[in-house]
Each structure stands twice: as C-alpha cells, then as structure tokens.
Amino acid sequence: MKVETVTPATFEQVLPLVAAYQRFYQATPDEARNRAHFSQFLADHRRGIQFIAWDEADVALGFATLYVALGSVTPGEYCLMNDLYTIPAARGRGVGRALILHCLAYAQTRGFSGIEWQTALDNTTAQRLYDSLPTERSGWYTYTLEASKL
C-alpha cells in the first residue's frame, strides 16, 4: 500500500471516495460542488491537502483530507483531519492507520504539533482504530445550527 498527495492526475479517483464518504454520513453527494471544493487543494496547500491510499494494483482504498484551521484557545494554526474514509473491502487492513500516520507526518513537517479529528458517536469501527493509537479523546460536544431551521 502507498499513500500519496492527491494530484490533478489522481483527482478523478478520489472523487468517488469522497461521495462514498458523504453517503456513509447520510449526506447527498453533489459532484459539481465536490469537484469545485476539493480541487482547491490540488495546487495550493495553504488551506488544506488531500491524501489517497492505493493498493499494489493501484486501486484506490481510501482518502484523508487535512484542513488548516485557526484556533483561539491556543492561538495559531492547527491541522484538522476533517475526512478519513476507507472503502468497506479494505477496512481492517491498516489503510485508515496508514492515512492517519501520513497526515501526522505531513503536519509535523509543517511545524504543527499534531492533528485533530472527530467522528460520529455511533462509528464504533472507526473508534476502535482511533483508540488503538496514542490518541486523547476530548470531552467537547459539536453543535450545528442550520440557517434553514431558524
């Protein structure tokens, strides 16, 4: 398995993974919107970067997206791993771990102390992976307020 930065040459292979990730979280993929949003990370990595994992036959197994975010409690930039997805057939084979460790190495080479991420409370499969790493689980709740509901 290899993990590499998504490039214009591999962008078409990551888009179906993004759509599958969105469906996993019960969102409806919008191909045009996905293409516009994620293409921003192809040449300019100041706001974020995507990585893709491949098997030996160059089949895409999963992806991760790191966003550069700003913090106030500890002022400055930090890395948020906003997306991590592995195709169902590759789960349990180390793909997610490889993507996380690749993201961490990328963050460290840019001077960040580490990476942060969230997962759904019922995503116990992912939590088993996360808990197997030397991670620290936070006690924060995430709230979402949609303008359409006001």
N, C-alpha and C. Protein backbone atom coordinates (compact mmCIF):
# COMPACT_ATOMS: atom_id res chain seq x y z
N MET A 1 0.85 -1.17 0.00
CA MET A 1 0.00 0.00 0.00
C MET A 1 0.89 1.23 0.00
N LYS A 2 0.43 2.26 -0.69
CA LYS A 2 1.14 3.53 -0.67
C LYS A 2 0.13 4.65 -0.43
N VAL A 3 0.59 5.71 0.20
CA VAL A 3 -0.23 6.90 0.44
C VAL A 3 0.50 8.06 -0.21
N GLU A 4 -0.25 8.84 -0.97
CA GLU A 4 0.36 9.99 -1.65
C GLU A 4 -0.62 11.15 -1.72
N THR A 5 -0.10 12.31 -2.01
CA THR A 5 -0.91 13.52 -2.17
C THR A 5 -1.77 13.39 -3.42
N VAL A 6 -3.03 13.79 -3.31
CA VAL A 6 -3.90 13.82 -4.49
C VAL A 6 -3.39 14.91 -5.42
N THR A 7 -3.26 14.56 -6.70
CA THR A 7 -2.77 15.48 -7.73
C THR A 7 -3.82 15.58 -8.83
N PRO A 8 -3.63 16.49 -9.79
CA PRO A 8 -4.56 16.52 -10.92
C PRO A 8 -4.69 15.16 -11.62
N ALA A 9 -3.61 14.38 -11.63
CA ALA A 9 -3.64 13.06 -12.28
C ALA A 9 -4.45 12.04 -11.49
N THR A 10 -4.61 12.22 -10.17
CA THR A 10 -5.34 11.25 -9.35
C THR A 10 -6.66 11.80 -8.79
N PHE A 11 -6.98 13.02 -9.16
CA PHE A 11 -8.17 13.68 -8.63
C PHE A 11 -9.45 12.92 -8.95
N GLU A 12 -9.55 12.39 -10.16
CA GLU A 12 -10.77 11.66 -10.56
C GLU A 12 -10.97 10.41 -9.71
N GLN A 13 -9.90 9.82 -9.20
CA GLN A 13 -10.02 8.62 -8.38
C GLN A 13 -10.47 8.93 -6.96
N VAL A 14 -10.19 10.14 -6.47
CA VAL A 14 -10.60 10.48 -5.10
C VAL A 14 -12.06 10.91 -5.04
N LEU A 15 -12.60 11.47 -6.10
CA LEU A 15 -13.98 11.98 -6.06
C LEU A 15 -15.02 10.91 -5.72
N PRO A 16 -14.95 9.68 -6.28
CA PRO A 16 -15.91 8.65 -5.87
C PRO A 16 -15.76 8.27 -4.39
N LEU A 17 -14.54 8.33 -3.86
CA LEU A 17 -14.34 8.05 -2.45
C LEU A 17 -14.98 9.13 -1.58
N VAL A 18 -14.86 10.38 -2.00
CA VAL A 18 -15.50 11.49 -1.29
C VAL A 18 -17.01 11.28 -1.27
N ALA A 19 -17.59 10.91 -2.41
CA ALA A 19 -19.04 10.69 -2.49
C ALA A 19 -19.46 9.53 -1.59
N ALA A 20 -18.67 8.47 -1.55
CA ALA A 20 -18.99 7.32 -0.68
C ALA A 20 -18.92 7.73 0.78
N TYR A 21 -17.94 8.53 1.13
CA TYR A 21 -17.79 9.06 2.49
C TYR A 21 -19.02 9.89 2.87
N GLN A 22 -19.47 10.73 1.96
CA GLN A 22 -20.64 11.56 2.22
C GLN A 22 -21.89 10.70 2.40
N ARG A 23 -22.05 9.68 1.58
CA ARG A 23 -23.19 8.78 1.73
C ARG A 23 -23.12 8.03 3.07
N PHE A 24 -21.92 7.66 3.51
CA PHE A 24 -21.73 6.99 4.79
C PHE A 24 -22.32 7.83 5.92
N TYR A 25 -22.15 9.15 5.82
CA TYR A 25 -22.68 10.07 6.84
C TYR A 25 -24.04 10.64 6.43
N GLN A 26 -24.79 9.92 5.59
CA GLN A 26 -26.14 10.25 5.16
C GLN A 26 -26.26 11.62 4.50
N ALA A 27 -25.22 12.04 3.81
CA ALA A 27 -25.27 13.28 3.03
C ALA A 27 -25.45 12.88 1.56
N THR A 28 -26.03 13.78 0.79
CA THR A 28 -26.22 13.53 -0.63
C THR A 28 -25.08 14.19 -1.39
N PRO A 29 -24.24 13.39 -2.06
CA PRO A 29 -23.11 13.97 -2.80
C PRO A 29 -23.59 14.87 -3.93
N ASP A 30 -22.86 15.94 -4.16
CA ASP A 30 -23.09 16.84 -5.28
C ASP A 30 -21.77 16.89 -6.04
N GLU A 31 -21.71 16.20 -7.17
CA GLU A 31 -20.45 16.04 -7.88
C GLU A 31 -19.83 17.38 -8.27
N ALA A 32 -20.61 18.29 -8.79
CA ALA A 32 -20.07 19.60 -9.20
C ALA A 32 -19.51 20.36 -7.99
N ARG A 33 -20.25 20.32 -6.91
CA ARG A 33 -19.79 21.01 -5.70
C ARG A 33 -18.53 20.35 -5.13
N ASN A 34 -18.51 19.02 -5.11
CA ASN A 34 -17.32 18.31 -4.65
C ASN A 34 -16.11 18.64 -5.51
N ARG A 35 -16.31 18.62 -6.81
CA ARG A 35 -15.22 18.91 -7.74
C ARG A 35 -14.67 20.33 -7.48
N ALA A 36 -15.56 21.29 -7.34
CA ALA A 36 -15.13 22.68 -7.10
C ALA A 36 -14.42 22.82 -5.75
N HIS A 37 -14.98 22.20 -4.72
CA HIS A 37 -14.40 22.35 -3.38
C HIS A 37 -13.05 21.66 -3.26
N PHE A 38 -12.98 20.39 -3.62
CA PHE A 38 -11.76 19.64 -3.38
C PHE A 38 -10.65 19.96 -4.37
N SER A 39 -10.98 20.53 -5.51
CA SER A 39 -9.93 20.90 -6.47
C SER A 39 -9.06 22.03 -5.93
N GLN A 40 -9.57 22.78 -4.93
CA GLN A 40 -8.76 23.87 -4.37
C GLN A 40 -7.48 23.36 -3.71
N PHE A 41 -7.43 22.07 -3.35
CA PHE A 41 -6.28 21.51 -2.66
C PHE A 41 -5.25 20.91 -3.61
N LEU A 42 -5.49 20.99 -4.91
CA LEU A 42 -4.58 20.36 -5.86
C LEU A 42 -3.26 21.10 -6.00
N ALA A 43 -3.29 22.40 -6.08
CA ALA A 43 -2.06 23.16 -6.31
C ALA A 43 -1.64 23.99 -5.11
N ASP A 44 -2.59 24.36 -4.28
CA ASP A 44 -2.32 25.26 -3.16
C ASP A 44 -2.68 24.56 -1.86
N HIS A 45 -1.69 24.28 -1.04
CA HIS A 45 -1.93 23.54 0.20
C HIS A 45 -1.98 24.44 1.44
N ARG A 46 -2.14 25.73 1.24
CA ARG A 46 -2.21 26.62 2.40
C ARG A 46 -3.46 26.40 3.23
N ARG A 47 -4.57 25.99 2.60
CA ARG A 47 -5.84 25.77 3.33
C ARG A 47 -6.11 24.31 3.62
N GLY A 48 -5.44 23.42 2.91
CA GLY A 48 -5.67 22.00 3.12
C GLY A 48 -5.00 21.16 2.07
N ILE A 49 -5.07 19.86 2.28
CA ILE A 49 -4.45 18.90 1.37
C ILE A 49 -5.19 17.58 1.48
N GLN A 50 -5.20 16.83 0.39
CA GLN A 50 -5.81 15.50 0.40
C GLN A 50 -4.77 14.45 0.10
N PHE A 51 -4.96 13.29 0.74
CA PHE A 51 -4.10 12.14 0.50
C PHE A 51 -4.97 10.97 0.08
N ILE A 52 -4.42 10.10 -0.75
CA ILE A 52 -5.12 8.92 -1.22
C ILE A 52 -4.24 7.70 -0.98
N ALA A 53 -4.87 6.60 -0.58
CA ALA A 53 -4.16 5.35 -0.35
C ALA A 53 -4.48 4.40 -1.50
N TRP A 54 -3.45 3.71 -1.98
CA TRP A 54 -3.56 2.78 -3.11
C TRP A 54 -3.06 1.41 -2.70
N ASP A 55 -3.64 0.38 -3.30
CA ASP A 55 -3.08 -0.96 -3.10
C ASP A 55 -2.01 -1.20 -4.17
N GLU A 56 -1.46 -2.40 -4.20
CA GLU A 56 -0.38 -2.74 -5.13
C GLU A 56 -0.82 -2.67 -6.59
N ALA A 57 -2.11 -2.83 -6.84
CA ALA A 57 -2.64 -2.79 -8.21
C ALA A 57 -3.18 -1.40 -8.57
N ASP A 58 -2.84 -0.39 -7.77
CA ASP A 58 -3.28 1.00 -7.97
C ASP A 58 -4.80 1.15 -7.90
N VAL A 59 -5.43 0.38 -7.02
CA VAL A 59 -6.85 0.56 -6.71
C VAL A 59 -6.92 1.49 -5.50
N ALA A 60 -7.77 2.52 -5.61
CA ALA A 60 -7.91 3.49 -4.53
C ALA A 60 -8.63 2.84 -3.36
N LEU A 61 -8.00 2.88 -2.18
CA LEU A 61 -8.54 2.24 -0.98
C LEU A 61 -9.17 3.21 -0.01
N GLY A 62 -8.74 4.46 -0.03
CA GLY A 62 -9.27 5.43 0.92
C GLY A 62 -8.61 6.78 0.74
N PHE A 63 -9.10 7.74 1.50
CA PHE A 63 -8.54 9.09 1.43
C PHE A 63 -8.66 9.78 2.77
N ALA A 64 -7.90 10.84 2.89
CA ALA A 64 -7.99 11.72 4.06
C ALA A 64 -7.82 13.15 3.58
N THR A 65 -8.50 14.06 4.26
CA THR A 65 -8.37 15.49 3.97
C THR A 65 -7.94 16.20 5.23
N LEU A 66 -6.86 16.95 5.14
CA LEU A 66 -6.41 17.81 6.24
C LEU A 66 -6.77 19.25 5.89
N TYR A 67 -7.36 19.94 6.85
CA TYR A 67 -7.63 21.37 6.70
C TYR A 67 -6.74 22.13 7.67
N VAL A 68 -6.23 23.25 7.24
CA VAL A 68 -5.50 24.12 8.15
C VAL A 68 -6.55 25.03 8.78
N ALA A 69 -6.66 24.95 10.09
CA ALA A 69 -7.68 25.72 10.82
C ALA A 69 -6.99 26.68 11.78
N LEU A 70 -7.75 27.64 12.24
CA LEU A 70 -7.24 28.61 13.21
C LEU A 70 -7.83 28.32 14.57
N GLY A 71 -7.04 28.48 15.60
CA GLY A 71 -7.50 28.25 16.96
C GLY A 71 -7.40 29.51 17.80
N SER A 72 -8.22 29.57 18.83
CA SER A 72 -8.21 30.71 19.74
C SER A 72 -7.74 30.34 21.14
N VAL A 73 -8.09 29.16 21.64
CA VAL A 73 -7.64 28.74 22.96
C VAL A 73 -6.11 28.65 22.96
N THR A 74 -5.58 28.01 21.93
CA THR A 74 -4.15 28.04 21.65
C THR A 74 -4.02 28.76 20.32
N PRO A 75 -3.78 30.08 20.35
CA PRO A 75 -3.78 30.87 19.11
C PRO A 75 -2.81 30.33 18.06
N GLY A 76 -3.28 30.31 16.84
CA GLY A 76 -2.46 29.87 15.73
C GLY A 76 -3.16 28.85 14.88
N GLU A 77 -2.41 28.29 13.96
CA GLU A 77 -2.96 27.30 13.05
C GLU A 77 -2.80 25.89 13.63
N TYR A 78 -3.72 25.01 13.25
CA TYR A 78 -3.60 23.60 13.59
C TYR A 78 -4.17 22.78 12.45
N CYS A 79 -3.92 21.49 12.46
CA CYS A 79 -4.40 20.59 11.39
C CYS A 79 -5.63 19.84 11.86
N LEU A 80 -6.69 19.94 11.09
CA LEU A 80 -7.94 19.23 11.34
C LEU A 80 -8.09 18.17 10.25
N MET A 81 -8.08 16.91 10.64
CA MET A 81 -8.35 15.85 9.68
C MET A 81 -9.87 15.73 9.59
N ASN A 82 -10.42 16.43 8.63
CA ASN A 82 -11.87 16.53 8.54
C ASN A 82 -12.49 15.30 7.88
N ASP A 83 -11.71 14.61 7.06
CA ASP A 83 -12.24 13.46 6.35
C ASP A 83 -11.25 12.30 6.46
N LEU A 84 -11.77 11.13 6.74
CA LEU A 84 -10.99 9.89 6.68
C LEU A 84 -11.96 8.81 6.24
N TYR A 85 -11.65 8.16 5.13
CA TYR A 85 -12.55 7.14 4.61
C TYR A 85 -11.74 6.02 3.99
N THR A 86 -12.19 4.80 4.25
CA THR A 86 -11.62 3.60 3.65
C THR A 86 -12.77 2.81 3.03
N ILE A 87 -12.56 2.29 1.84
CA ILE A 87 -13.62 1.50 1.21
C ILE A 87 -13.91 0.29 2.10
N PRO A 88 -15.16 -0.15 2.14
CA PRO A 88 -15.51 -1.27 3.03
C PRO A 88 -14.64 -2.51 2.85
N ALA A 89 -14.29 -2.85 1.62
CA ALA A 89 -13.50 -4.06 1.38
C ALA A 89 -12.09 -3.97 1.94
N ALA A 90 -11.62 -2.77 2.23
CA ALA A 90 -10.24 -2.58 2.73
C ALA A 90 -10.19 -2.32 4.23
N ARG A 91 -11.34 -2.26 4.88
CA ARG A 91 -11.34 -1.97 6.32
C ARG A 91 -10.69 -3.10 7.10
N GLY A 92 -9.94 -2.73 8.12
CA GLY A 92 -9.24 -3.71 8.94
C GLY A 92 -7.90 -4.14 8.36
N ARG A 93 -7.49 -3.51 7.26
CA ARG A 93 -6.22 -3.87 6.62
C ARG A 93 -5.13 -2.82 6.83
N GLY A 94 -5.37 -1.84 7.70
CA GLY A 94 -4.34 -0.84 8.00
C GLY A 94 -4.38 0.41 7.15
N VAL A 95 -5.39 0.54 6.30
CA VAL A 95 -5.48 1.69 5.41
C VAL A 95 -5.73 2.97 6.21
N GLY A 96 -6.72 2.93 7.09
CA GLY A 96 -7.02 4.11 7.91
C GLY A 96 -5.82 4.53 8.75
N ARG A 97 -5.17 3.56 9.37
CA ARG A 97 -3.98 3.84 10.19
C ARG A 97 -2.89 4.48 9.33
N ALA A 98 -2.66 3.94 8.14
CA ALA A 98 -1.63 4.48 7.25
C ALA A 98 -1.96 5.92 6.86
N LEU A 99 -3.24 6.20 6.59
CA LEU A 99 -3.64 7.57 6.23
C LEU A 99 -3.44 8.51 7.42
N ILE A 100 -3.84 8.07 8.62
CA ILE A 100 -3.66 8.92 9.80
C ILE A 100 -2.19 9.22 10.03
N LEU A 101 -1.35 8.21 9.97
CA LEU A 101 0.08 8.40 10.21
C LEU A 101 0.71 9.27 9.14
N HIS A 102 0.23 9.15 7.91
CA HIS A 102 0.72 10.02 6.83
C HIS A 102 0.32 11.47 7.09
N CYS A 103 -0.92 11.67 7.53
CA CYS A 103 -1.38 13.03 7.88
C CYS A 103 -0.55 13.60 9.01
N LEU A 104 -0.27 12.80 10.02
CA LEU A 104 0.53 13.25 11.15
C LEU A 104 1.93 13.64 10.70
N ALA A 105 2.55 12.83 9.87
CA ALA A 105 3.90 13.14 9.37
C ALA A 105 3.88 14.43 8.56
N TYR A 106 2.86 14.61 7.73
CA TYR A 106 2.73 15.84 6.95
C TYR A 106 2.61 17.05 7.88
N ALA A 107 1.75 16.94 8.89
CA ALA A 107 1.55 18.04 9.83
C ALA A 107 2.85 18.38 10.56
N GLN A 108 3.57 17.35 10.99
CA GLN A 108 4.82 17.58 11.72
C GLN A 108 5.86 18.27 10.85
N THR A 109 5.94 17.91 9.57
CA THR A 109 6.93 18.55 8.70
C THR A 109 6.60 20.02 8.46
N ARG A 110 5.37 20.41 8.72
CA ARG A 110 4.98 21.81 8.56
C ARG A 110 4.94 22.56 9.89
N GLY A 111 5.42 21.93 10.94
CA GLY A 111 5.53 22.61 12.23
C GLY A 111 4.32 22.50 13.13
N PHE A 112 3.32 21.72 12.76
CA PHE A 112 2.16 21.52 13.62
C PHE A 112 2.49 20.45 14.65
N SER A 113 1.91 20.57 15.83
CA SER A 113 2.21 19.61 16.89
C SER A 113 1.47 18.29 16.70
N GLY A 114 0.44 18.27 15.89
CA GLY A 114 -0.32 17.05 15.67
C GLY A 114 -1.54 17.33 14.81
N ILE A 115 -2.49 16.41 14.85
CA ILE A 115 -3.73 16.57 14.10
C ILE A 115 -4.90 16.30 15.04
N GLU A 116 -6.05 16.83 14.68
CA GLU A 116 -7.28 16.61 15.44
C GLU A 116 -8.35 16.13 14.47
N TRP A 117 -9.33 15.39 14.99
CA TRP A 117 -10.47 14.98 14.18
C TRP A 117 -11.63 14.59 15.06
N GLN A 118 -12.77 14.40 14.42
CA GLN A 118 -13.99 13.98 15.11
C GLN A 118 -14.58 12.79 14.37
N THR A 119 -15.41 12.05 15.05
CA THR A 119 -16.18 11.00 14.40
C THR A 119 -17.55 10.93 15.06
N ALA A 120 -18.47 10.31 14.36
CA ALA A 120 -19.81 10.16 14.91
C ALA A 120 -19.78 9.24 16.12
N LEU A 121 -20.66 9.49 17.07
CA LEU A 121 -20.71 8.69 18.29
C LEU A 121 -20.98 7.22 18.01
N ASP A 122 -21.71 6.93 16.94
CA ASP A 122 -22.04 5.54 16.63
C ASP A 122 -21.05 4.87 15.67
N ASN A 123 -19.98 5.57 15.29
CA ASN A 123 -19.00 5.00 14.37
C ASN A 123 -17.96 4.20 15.18
N THR A 124 -18.42 3.09 15.73
CA THR A 124 -17.56 2.31 16.63
C THR A 124 -16.41 1.63 15.89
N THR A 125 -16.58 1.33 14.62
CA THR A 125 -15.48 0.74 13.85
C THR A 125 -14.31 1.69 13.80
N ALA A 126 -14.58 2.94 13.46
CA ALA A 126 -13.50 3.95 13.42
C ALA A 126 -12.94 4.19 14.81
N GLN A 127 -13.80 4.21 15.81
CA GLN A 127 -13.32 4.47 17.17
C GLN A 127 -12.35 3.39 17.65
N ARG A 128 -12.54 2.15 17.21
CA ARG A 128 -11.59 1.09 17.59
C ARG A 128 -10.21 1.41 17.04
N LEU A 129 -10.15 1.88 15.80
CA LEU A 129 -8.87 2.29 15.22
C LEU A 129 -8.29 3.46 16.00
N TYR A 130 -9.09 4.49 16.22
CA TYR A 130 -8.60 5.69 16.91
C TYR A 130 -8.11 5.37 18.31
N ASP A 131 -8.84 4.51 19.00
CA ASP A 131 -8.46 4.14 20.37
C ASP A 131 -7.21 3.26 20.41
N SER A 132 -6.86 2.63 19.29
CA SER A 132 -5.65 1.81 19.25
C SER A 132 -4.39 2.65 19.06
N LEU A 133 -4.57 3.92 18.74
CA LEU A 133 -3.45 4.86 18.60
C LEU A 133 -3.28 5.62 19.91
N PRO A 134 -2.15 6.25 20.11
CA PRO A 134 -1.98 7.03 21.34
C PRO A 134 -2.73 8.37 21.28
N THR A 135 -4.02 8.29 21.02
CA THR A 135 -4.86 9.48 20.90
C THR A 135 -5.40 9.87 22.26
N GLU A 136 -5.93 11.07 22.31
CA GLU A 136 -6.60 11.57 23.50
C GLU A 136 -8.00 11.98 23.08
N ARG A 137 -9.00 11.38 23.68
CA ARG A 137 -10.39 11.69 23.36
C ARG A 137 -10.79 12.93 24.13
N SER A 138 -11.38 13.90 23.44
CA SER A 138 -11.78 15.13 24.12
C SER A 138 -13.20 15.01 24.67
N GLY A 139 -13.58 15.96 25.49
CA GLY A 139 -14.91 15.96 26.07
C GLY A 139 -15.79 17.05 25.49
N TRP A 140 -15.51 17.46 24.27
CA TRP A 140 -16.28 18.54 23.65
C TRP A 140 -17.47 17.97 22.89
N TYR A 141 -18.55 18.72 22.88
CA TYR A 141 -19.70 18.42 22.05
C TYR A 141 -19.64 19.29 20.81
N THR A 142 -20.15 18.79 19.70
CA THR A 142 -20.23 19.58 18.48
C THR A 142 -21.69 19.95 18.26
N TYR A 143 -21.94 21.23 18.07
CA TYR A 143 -23.28 21.72 17.78
C TYR A 143 -23.33 22.24 16.36
N THR A 144 -24.47 22.05 15.71
CA THR A 144 -24.68 22.56 14.36
C THR A 144 -25.97 23.34 14.36
N LEU A 145 -25.93 24.54 13.83
CA LEU A 145 -27.11 25.38 13.71
C LEU A 145 -27.28 25.70 12.23
N GLU A 146 -28.33 25.18 11.63
CA GLU A 146 -28.59 25.41 10.22
C GLU A 146 -29.50 26.62 10.06
N ALA A 147 -29.12 27.51 9.16
CA ALA A 147 -29.90 28.73 8.93
C ALA A 147 -31.33 28.41 8.51
N SER A 148 -31.50 27.31 7.78
CA SER A 148 -32.83 26.96 7.27
C SER A 148 -33.79 26.55 8.39
N LYS A 149 -33.27 26.29 9.58
CA LYS A 149 -34.12 25.85 10.68
C LYS A 149 -34.52 26.99 11.60
N LEU A 150 -34.09 28.17 11.31
CA LEU A 150 -34.47 29.33 12.14
C LEU A 150 -35.73 29.97 11.64
